[in-house]
């Protein structure tokens, strides 16, 4: 993904205390994310694993339902 042009628009989905979009915008560009997103900072495997597994906010109570929705295992009825 990081080999794509910097002007490619992306729509990050995880917003939390440690890993987040640094603004209220719903989208960004790869260039902006490469420049300012700490998740994209070059690091070795151990540093990456630590970054991705520590400091995250608590999962929401319906976390497992969200995963099932994302996998297409269940749907939400639309009224």
PDB file of N, CA and C in Angstrom:
ATOM      1  N   UNK A   1       0.824  -1.186   0.000  1.00  0.00           N
ATOM      2  CA  UNK A   1       0.000   0.000   0.000  1.00  0.00           C
ATOM      3  C   UNK A   1       0.872   1.254   0.000  1.00  0.00           C
ATOM      4  N   UNK A   2       1.959   1.250   0.739  1.00  0.00           N
ATOM      5  CA  UNK A   2       2.781   2.451   0.858  1.00  0.00           C
ATOM      6  C   UNK A   2       3.548   2.766  -0.421  1.00  0.00           C
ATOM      7  N   UNK A   3       3.505   1.870  -1.392  1.00  0.00           N
ATOM      8  CA  UNK A   3       4.156   2.135  -2.676  1.00  0.00           C
ATOM      9  C   UNK A   3       3.252   2.929  -3.611  1.00  0.00           C
ATOM     10  N   UNK A   4       1.990   3.089  -3.238  1.00  0.00           N
ATOM     11  CA  UNK A   4       1.050   3.864  -4.039  1.00  0.00           C
ATOM     12  C   UNK A   4       1.377   5.351  -3.951  1.00  0.00           C
ATOM     13  N   UNK A   5       0.843   6.127  -4.889  1.00  0.00           N
ATOM     14  CA  UNK A   5       1.075   7.582  -4.905  1.00  0.00           C
ATOM     15  C   UNK A   5       0.574   8.240  -3.623  1.00  0.00           C
ATOM     16  N   UNK A   6       1.266   9.291  -3.211  1.00  0.00           N
ATOM     17  CA  UNK A   6       0.899  10.011  -1.991  1.00  0.00           C
ATOM     18  C   UNK A   6      -0.482  10.655  -2.058  1.00  0.00           C
ATOM     19  N   UNK A   7      -1.006  10.915  -3.253  1.00  0.00           N
ATOM     20  CA  UNK A   7      -2.312  11.570  -3.358  1.00  0.00           C
ATOM     21  C   UNK A   7      -3.484  10.589  -3.329  1.00  0.00           C
ATOM     22  N   UNK A   8      -3.216   9.294  -3.165  1.00  0.00           N
ATOM     23  CA  UNK A   8      -4.297   8.310  -3.072  1.00  0.00           C
ATOM     24  C   UNK A   8      -5.072   8.564  -1.783  1.00  0.00           C
ATOM     25  N   UNK A   9      -6.397   8.700  -1.912  1.00  0.00           N
ATOM     26  CA  UNK A   9      -7.245   8.940  -0.752  1.00  0.00           C
ATOM     27  C   UNK A   9      -7.510   7.628  -0.029  1.00  0.00           C
ATOM     28  N   UNK A  10      -7.444   7.661   1.293  1.00  0.00           N
ATOM     29  CA  UNK A  10      -7.709   6.490   2.121  1.00  0.00           C
ATOM     30  C   UNK A  10      -8.750   6.843   3.166  1.00  0.00           C
ATOM     31  N   UNK A  11      -9.428   5.826   3.649  1.00  0.00           N
ATOM     32  CA  UNK A  11     -10.481   6.003   4.644  1.00  0.00           C
ATOM     33  C   UNK A  11     -10.172   5.127   5.854  1.00  0.00           C
ATOM     34  N   UNK A  12      -9.244   5.574   6.726  1.00  0.00           N
ATOM     35  CA  UNK A  12      -8.891   4.795   7.910  1.00  0.00           C
ATOM     36  C   UNK A  12     -10.122   4.537   8.773  1.00  0.00           C
ATOM     37  N   UNK A  13     -10.135   3.384   9.441  1.00  0.00           N
ATOM     38  CA  UNK A  13     -11.324   3.016  10.209  1.00  0.00           C
ATOM     39  C   UNK A  13     -11.107   2.904  11.701  1.00  0.00           C
ATOM     40  N   UNK A  14      -9.874   2.891  12.175  1.00  0.00           N
ATOM     41  CA  UNK A  14      -9.641   2.749  13.608  1.00  0.00           C
ATOM     42  C   UNK A  14      -9.265   4.091  14.195  1.00  0.00           C
ATOM     43  N   UNK A  15     -10.068   4.510  15.138  1.00  0.00           N
ATOM     44  CA  UNK A  15      -9.795   5.782  15.795  1.00  0.00           C
ATOM     45  C   UNK A  15      -9.770   5.515  17.293  1.00  0.00           C
ATOM     46  N   UNK A  16      -8.642   5.726  17.916  1.00  0.00           N
ATOM     47  CA  UNK A  16      -8.512   5.489  19.344  1.00  0.00           C
ATOM     48  C   UNK A  16      -7.422   6.362  19.921  1.00  0.00           C
ATOM     49  N   UNK A  17      -7.154   6.197  21.180  1.00  0.00           N
ATOM     50  CA  UNK A  17      -6.181   7.047  21.857  1.00  0.00           C
ATOM     51  C   UNK A  17      -4.770   6.874  21.303  1.00  0.00           C
ATOM     52  N   UNK A  18      -4.370   5.656  20.989  1.00  0.00           N
ATOM     53  CA  UNK A  18      -2.990   5.420  20.547  1.00  0.00           C
ATOM     54  C   UNK A  18      -2.857   5.403  19.029  1.00  0.00           C
ATOM     55  N   UNK A  19      -3.809   4.834  18.339  1.00  0.00           N
ATOM     56  CA  UNK A  19      -3.763   4.713  16.888  1.00  0.00           C
ATOM     57  C   UNK A  19      -4.975   5.458  16.339  1.00  0.00           C
ATOM     58  N   UNK A  20      -4.728   6.570  15.667  1.00  0.00           N
ATOM     59  CA  UNK A  20      -5.867   7.410  15.295  1.00  0.00           C
ATOM     60  C   UNK A  20      -5.558   8.312  14.107  1.00  0.00           C
ATOM     61  N   UNK A  21      -6.634   8.798  13.517  1.00  0.00           N
ATOM     62  CA  UNK A  21      -6.531   9.865  12.528  1.00  0.00           C
ATOM     63  C   UNK A  21      -6.337  11.142  13.324  1.00  0.00           C
ATOM     64  N   UNK A  22      -5.385  11.959  12.941  1.00  0.00           N
ATOM     65  CA  UNK A  22      -5.073  13.157  13.711  1.00  0.00           C
ATOM     66  C   UNK A  22      -5.997  14.331  13.445  1.00  0.00           C
ATOM     67  N   UNK A  23      -7.193  14.097  12.907  1.00  0.00           N
ATOM     68  CA  UNK A  23      -8.129  15.190  12.661  1.00  0.00           C
ATOM     69  C   UNK A  23      -9.547  14.648  12.716  1.00  0.00           C
ATOM     70  N   UNK A  24     -10.521  15.513  12.482  1.00  0.00           N
ATOM     71  CA  UNK A  24     -11.912  15.068  12.473  1.00  0.00           C
ATOM     72  C   UNK A  24     -12.346  14.591  11.095  1.00  0.00           C
ATOM     73  N   UNK A  25     -11.470  14.662  10.114  1.00  0.00           N
ATOM     74  CA  UNK A  25     -11.788  14.245   8.755  1.00  0.00           C
ATOM     75  C   UNK A  25     -12.032  12.742   8.690  1.00  0.00           C
ATOM     76  N   UNK A  26     -12.925  12.328   7.810  1.00  0.00           N
ATOM     77  CA  UNK A  26     -13.225  10.905   7.624  1.00  0.00           C
ATOM     78  C   UNK A  26     -12.274  10.251   6.635  1.00  0.00           C
ATOM     79  N   UNK A  27     -11.487  11.049   5.917  1.00  0.00           N
ATOM     80  CA  UNK A  27     -10.543  10.486   4.959  1.00  0.00           C
ATOM     81  C   UNK A  27      -9.212  11.218   5.071  1.00  0.00           C
ATOM     82  N   UNK A  28      -8.223  10.652   4.395  1.00  0.00           N
ATOM     83  CA  UNK A  28      -6.894  11.235   4.390  1.00  0.00           C
ATOM     84  C   UNK A  28      -6.254  10.872   3.055  1.00  0.00           C
ATOM     85  N   UNK A  29      -4.981  11.134   2.915  1.00  0.00           N
ATOM     86  CA  UNK A  29      -4.228  10.682   1.751  1.00  0.00           C
ATOM     87  C   UNK A  29      -3.040   9.875   2.263  1.00  0.00           C
ATOM     88  N   UNK A  30      -2.503   9.025   1.408  1.00  0.00           N
ATOM     89  CA  UNK A  30      -1.336   8.261   1.819  1.00  0.00           C
ATOM     90  C   UNK A  30      -0.179   9.182   2.179  1.00  0.00           C
ATOM     91  N   UNK A  31      -0.028  10.277   1.460  1.00  0.00           N
ATOM     92  CA  UNK A  31       1.037  11.221   1.771  1.00  0.00           C
ATOM     93  C   UNK A  31       0.908  11.795   3.169  1.00  0.00           C
ATOM     94  N   UNK A  32      -0.315  12.217   3.537  1.00  0.00           N
ATOM     95  CA  UNK A  32      -0.546  12.752   4.884  1.00  0.00           C
ATOM     96  C   UNK A  32      -0.293  11.691   5.948  1.00  0.00           C
ATOM     97  N   UNK A  33      -0.761  10.472   5.658  1.00  0.00           N
ATOM     98  CA  UNK A  33      -0.582   9.394   6.637  1.00  0.00           C
ATOM     99  C   UNK A  33       0.886   8.996   6.776  1.00  0.00           C
ATOM    100  N   UNK A  34       1.609   8.939   5.667  1.00  0.00           N
ATOM    101  CA  UNK A  34       3.042   8.616   5.742  1.00  0.00           C
ATOM    102  C   UNK A  34       3.783   9.663   6.570  1.00  0.00           C
ATOM    103  N   UNK A  35       3.389  10.921   6.445  1.00  0.00           N
ATOM    104  CA  UNK A  35       4.080  12.017   7.132  1.00  0.00           C
ATOM    105  C   UNK A  35       3.740  12.099   8.617  1.00  0.00           C
ATOM    106  N   UNK A  36       2.515  11.746   8.986  1.00  0.00           N
ATOM    107  CA  UNK A  36       2.114  12.006  10.359  1.00  0.00           C
ATOM    108  C   UNK A  36       1.511  10.867  11.150  1.00  0.00           C
ATOM    109  N   UNK A  37       1.313   9.712  10.546  1.00  0.00           N
ATOM    110  CA  UNK A  37       0.669   8.608  11.253  1.00  0.00           C
ATOM    111  C   UNK A  37       1.736   7.732  11.903  1.00  0.00           C
ATOM    112  N   UNK A  38       1.756   7.664  13.240  1.00  0.00           N
ATOM    113  CA  UNK A  38       2.785   6.872  13.906  1.00  0.00           C
ATOM    114  C   UNK A  38       2.713   5.380  13.570  1.00  0.00           C
ATOM    115  N   UNK A  39       1.559   4.898  13.134  1.00  0.00           N
ATOM    116  CA  UNK A  39       1.442   3.486  12.764  1.00  0.00           C
ATOM    117  C   UNK A  39       2.269   3.153  11.529  1.00  0.00           C
ATOM    118  N   UNK A  40       2.600   4.158  10.733  1.00  0.00           N
ATOM    119  CA  UNK A  40       3.352   3.923   9.502  1.00  0.00           C
ATOM    120  C   UNK A  40       4.843   4.196   9.664  1.00  0.00           C
ATOM    121  N   UNK A  41       5.270   4.499  10.883  1.00  0.00           N
ATOM    122  CA  UNK A  41       6.692   4.729  11.125  1.00  0.00           C
ATOM    123  C   UNK A  41       7.472   3.432  10.916  1.00  0.00           C
ATOM    124  N   UNK A  42       8.582   3.483  10.198  1.00  0.00           N
ATOM    125  CA  UNK A  42       9.376   2.260  10.017  1.00  0.00           C
ATOM    126  C   UNK A  42       9.823   1.707  11.372  1.00  0.00           C
ATOM    127  N   UNK A  43       9.697   0.405  11.534  1.00  0.00           N
ATOM    128  CA  UNK A  43      10.117  -0.255  12.773  1.00  0.00           C
ATOM    129  C   UNK A  43      10.360  -1.727  12.491  1.00  0.00           C
ATOM    130  N   UNK A  44      11.070  -2.379  13.389  1.00  0.00           N
ATOM    131  CA  UNK A  44      11.309  -3.805  13.205  1.00  0.00           C
ATOM    132  C   UNK A  44      10.080  -4.593  13.653  1.00  0.00           C
ATOM    133  N   UNK A  45      10.114  -5.887  13.437  1.00  0.00           N
ATOM    134  CA  UNK A  45       8.953  -6.741  13.717  1.00  0.00           C
ATOM    135  C   UNK A  45       8.517  -6.658  15.186  1.00  0.00           C
ATOM    136  N   UNK A  46       9.464  -6.702  16.114  1.00  0.00           N
ATOM    137  CA  UNK A  46       9.120  -6.649  17.536  1.00  0.00           C
ATOM    138  C   UNK A  46       8.499  -5.312  17.922  1.00  0.00           C
ATOM    139  N   UNK A  47       9.061  -4.217  17.407  1.00  0.00           N
ATOM    140  CA  UNK A  47       8.498  -2.891  17.682  1.00  0.00           C
ATOM    141  C   UNK A  47       7.098  -2.769  17.106  1.00  0.00           C
ATOM    142  N   UNK A  48       6.887  -3.289  15.878  1.00  0.00           N
ATOM    143  CA  UNK A  48       5.567  -3.251  15.251  1.00  0.00           C
ATOM    144  C   UNK A  48       4.556  -4.036  16.079  1.00  0.00           C
ATOM    145  N   UNK A  49       4.935  -5.238  16.508  1.00  0.00           N
ATOM    146  CA  UNK A  49       4.025  -6.066  17.309  1.00  0.00           C
ATOM    147  C   UNK A  49       3.648  -5.346  18.596  1.00  0.00           C
ATOM    148  N   UNK A  50       4.629  -4.750  19.272  1.00  0.00           N
ATOM    149  CA  UNK A  50       4.352  -4.022  20.508  1.00  0.00           C
ATOM    150  C   UNK A  50       3.407  -2.849  20.241  1.00  0.00           C
ATOM    151  N   UNK A  51       3.666  -2.101  19.182  1.00  0.00           N
ATOM    152  CA  UNK A  51       2.816  -0.961  18.841  1.00  0.00           C
ATOM    153  C   UNK A  51       1.362  -1.401  18.585  1.00  0.00           C
ATOM    154  N   UNK A  52       1.216  -2.521  17.890  1.00  0.00           N
ATOM    155  CA  UNK A  52      -0.126  -2.965  17.501  1.00  0.00           C
ATOM    156  C   UNK A  52      -0.874  -3.705  18.611  1.00  0.00           C
ATOM    157  N   UNK A  53      -0.199  -4.042  19.703  1.00  0.00           N
ATOM    158  CA  UNK A  53      -0.872  -4.811  20.752  1.00  0.00           C
ATOM    159  C   UNK A  53      -0.941  -4.093  22.094  1.00  0.00           C
ATOM    160  N   UNK A  54      -0.287  -2.945  22.233  1.00  0.00           N
ATOM    161  CA  UNK A  54      -0.301  -2.233  23.509  1.00  0.00           C
ATOM    162  C   UNK A  54      -0.862  -0.818  23.347  1.00  0.00           C
ATOM    163  N   UNK A  55      -1.538  -0.337  24.387  1.00  0.00           N
ATOM    164  CA  UNK A  55      -1.995   1.037  24.411  1.00  0.00           C
ATOM    165  C   UNK A  55      -3.308   1.302  23.690  1.00  0.00           C
ATOM    166  N   UNK A  56      -4.000   0.280  23.290  1.00  0.00           N
ATOM    167  CA  UNK A  56      -5.289   0.461  22.615  1.00  0.00           C
ATOM    168  C   UNK A  56      -6.380   0.721  23.642  1.00  0.00           C
ATOM    169  N   UNK A  57      -7.392   1.504  23.272  1.00  0.00           N
ATOM    170  CA  UNK A  57      -8.508   1.702  24.199  1.00  0.00           C
ATOM    171  C   UNK A  57      -9.290   0.389  24.333  1.00  0.00           C
ATOM    172  N   UNK A  58     -10.109   0.261  25.365  1.00  0.00           N
ATOM    173  CA  UNK A  58     -10.905  -0.961  25.525  1.00  0.00           C
ATOM    174  C   UNK A  58     -11.804  -1.193  24.310  1.00  0.00           C
ATOM    175  N   UNK A  59     -12.013  -2.452  23.995  1.00  0.00           N
ATOM    176  CA  UNK A  59     -12.918  -2.794  22.889  1.00  0.00           C
ATOM    177  C   UNK A  59     -14.352  -2.473  23.299  1.00  0.00           C
ATOM    178  N   UNK A  60     -15.180  -2.062  22.327  1.00  0.00           N
ATOM    179  CA  UNK A  60     -16.585  -1.768  22.663  1.00  0.00           C
ATOM    180  C   UNK A  60     -17.313  -3.052  23.070  1.00  0.00           C
ATOM    181  N   UNK A  61     -18.397  -2.922  23.829  1.00  0.00           N
ATOM    182  CA  UNK A  61     -19.130  -4.107  24.294  1.00  0.00           C
ATOM    183  C   UNK A  61     -19.618  -4.994  23.142  1.00  0.00           C
ATOM    184  N   UNK A  62     -19.910  -4.404  21.988  1.00  0.00           N
ATOM    185  CA  UNK A  62     -20.434  -5.178  20.859  1.00  0.00           C
ATOM    186  C   UNK A  62     -19.340  -5.535  19.842  1.00  0.00           C
ATOM    187  N   UNK A  63     -18.112  -5.617  20.302  1.00  0.00           N
ATOM    188  CA  UNK A  63     -16.953  -5.866  19.440  1.00  0.00           C
ATOM    189  C   UNK A  63     -17.126  -7.130  18.586  1.00  0.00           C
ATOM    190  N   UNK A  64     -17.550  -8.233  19.196  1.00  0.00           N
ATOM    191  CA  UNK A  64     -17.710  -9.487  18.445  1.00  0.00           C
ATOM    192  C   UNK A  64     -18.809  -9.365  17.386  1.00  0.00           C
ATOM    193  N   UNK A  65     -19.853  -8.606  17.668  1.00  0.00           N
ATOM    194  CA  UNK A  65     -20.904  -8.371  16.681  1.00  0.00           C
ATOM    195  C   UNK A  65     -20.352  -7.575  15.506  1.00  0.00           C
ATOM    196  N   UNK A  66     -19.516  -6.576  15.797  1.00  0.00           N
ATOM    197  CA  UNK A  66     -18.899  -5.766  14.744  1.00  0.00           C
ATOM    198  C   UNK A  66     -18.045  -6.653  13.833  1.00  0.00           C
ATOM    199  N   UNK A  67     -17.277  -7.544  14.420  1.00  0.00           N
ATOM    200  CA  UNK A  67     -16.455  -8.465  13.627  1.00  0.00           C
ATOM    201  C   UNK A  67     -17.339  -9.332  12.741  1.00  0.00           C
ATOM    202  N   UNK A  68     -18.403  -9.871  13.292  1.00  0.00           N
ATOM    203  CA  UNK A  68     -19.316 -10.725  12.500  1.00  0.00           C
ATOM    204  C   UNK A  68     -19.965  -9.938  11.369  1.00  0.00           C
ATOM    205  N   UNK A  69     -20.326  -8.686  11.615  1.00  0.00           N
ATOM    206  CA  UNK A  69     -20.880  -7.833  10.561  1.00  0.00           C
ATOM    207  C   UNK A  69     -19.850  -7.612   9.457  1.00  0.00           C
ATOM    208  N   UNK A  70     -18.611  -7.297   9.847  1.00  0.00           N
ATOM    209  CA  UNK A  70     -17.553  -7.060   8.870  1.00  0.00           C
ATOM    210  C   UNK A  70     -17.260  -8.295   8.031  1.00  0.00           C
ATOM    211  N   UNK A  71     -17.415  -9.463   8.607  1.00  0.00           N
ATOM    212  CA  UNK A  71     -17.176 -10.715   7.875  1.00  0.00           C
ATOM    213  C   UNK A  71     -18.372 -11.109   7.010  1.00  0.00           C
ATOM    214  N   UNK A  72     -19.491 -10.429   7.173  1.00  0.00           N
ATOM    215  CA  UNK A  72     -20.685 -10.765   6.412  1.00  0.00           C
ATOM    216  C   UNK A  72     -21.445 -11.949   6.986  1.00  0.00           C
ATOM    217  N   UNK A  73     -21.131 -12.327   8.217  1.00  0.00           N
ATOM    218  CA  UNK A  73     -21.789 -13.469   8.850  1.00  0.00           C
ATOM    219  C   UNK A  73     -23.198 -13.126   9.326  1.00  0.00           C
ATOM    220  N   UNK A  74     -23.440 -11.857   9.613  1.00  0.00           N
ATOM    221  CA  UNK A  74     -24.755 -11.383  10.029  1.00  0.00           C
ATOM    222  C   UNK A  74     -25.036 -10.055   9.339  1.00  0.00           C
ATOM    223  N   UNK A  75     -26.273  -9.658   9.324  1.00  0.00           N
ATOM    224  CA  UNK A  75     -26.653  -8.370   8.763  1.00  0.00           C
ATOM    225  C   UNK A  75     -27.541  -7.636   9.772  1.00  0.00           C
ATOM    226  N   UNK A  76     -27.606  -6.336   9.590  1.00  0.00           N
ATOM    227  CA  UNK A  76     -28.489  -5.512  10.421  1.00  0.00           C
ATOM    228  C   UNK A  76     -29.735  -5.221   9.601  1.00  0.00           C
ATOM    229  N   UNK A  77     -30.907  -5.593  10.108  1.00  0.00           N
ATOM    230  CA  UNK A  77     -32.146  -5.277   9.370  1.00  0.00           C
ATOM    231  C   UNK A  77     -32.320  -3.774   9.238  1.00  0.00           C
ATOM    232  N   UNK A  78     -32.663  -3.331   8.061  1.00  0.00           N
ATOM    233  CA  UNK A  78     -32.901  -1.908   7.811  1.00  0.00           C
ATOM    234  C   UNK A  78     -34.399  -1.673   7.826  1.00  0.00           C
ATOM    235  N   UNK A  79     -34.819  -0.744   8.678  1.00  0.00           N
ATOM    236  CA  UNK A  79     -36.251  -0.476   8.830  1.00  0.00           C
ATOM    237  C   UNK A  79     -36.762   0.383   7.709  1.00  0.00           C
TER     238      UNK A  79
END
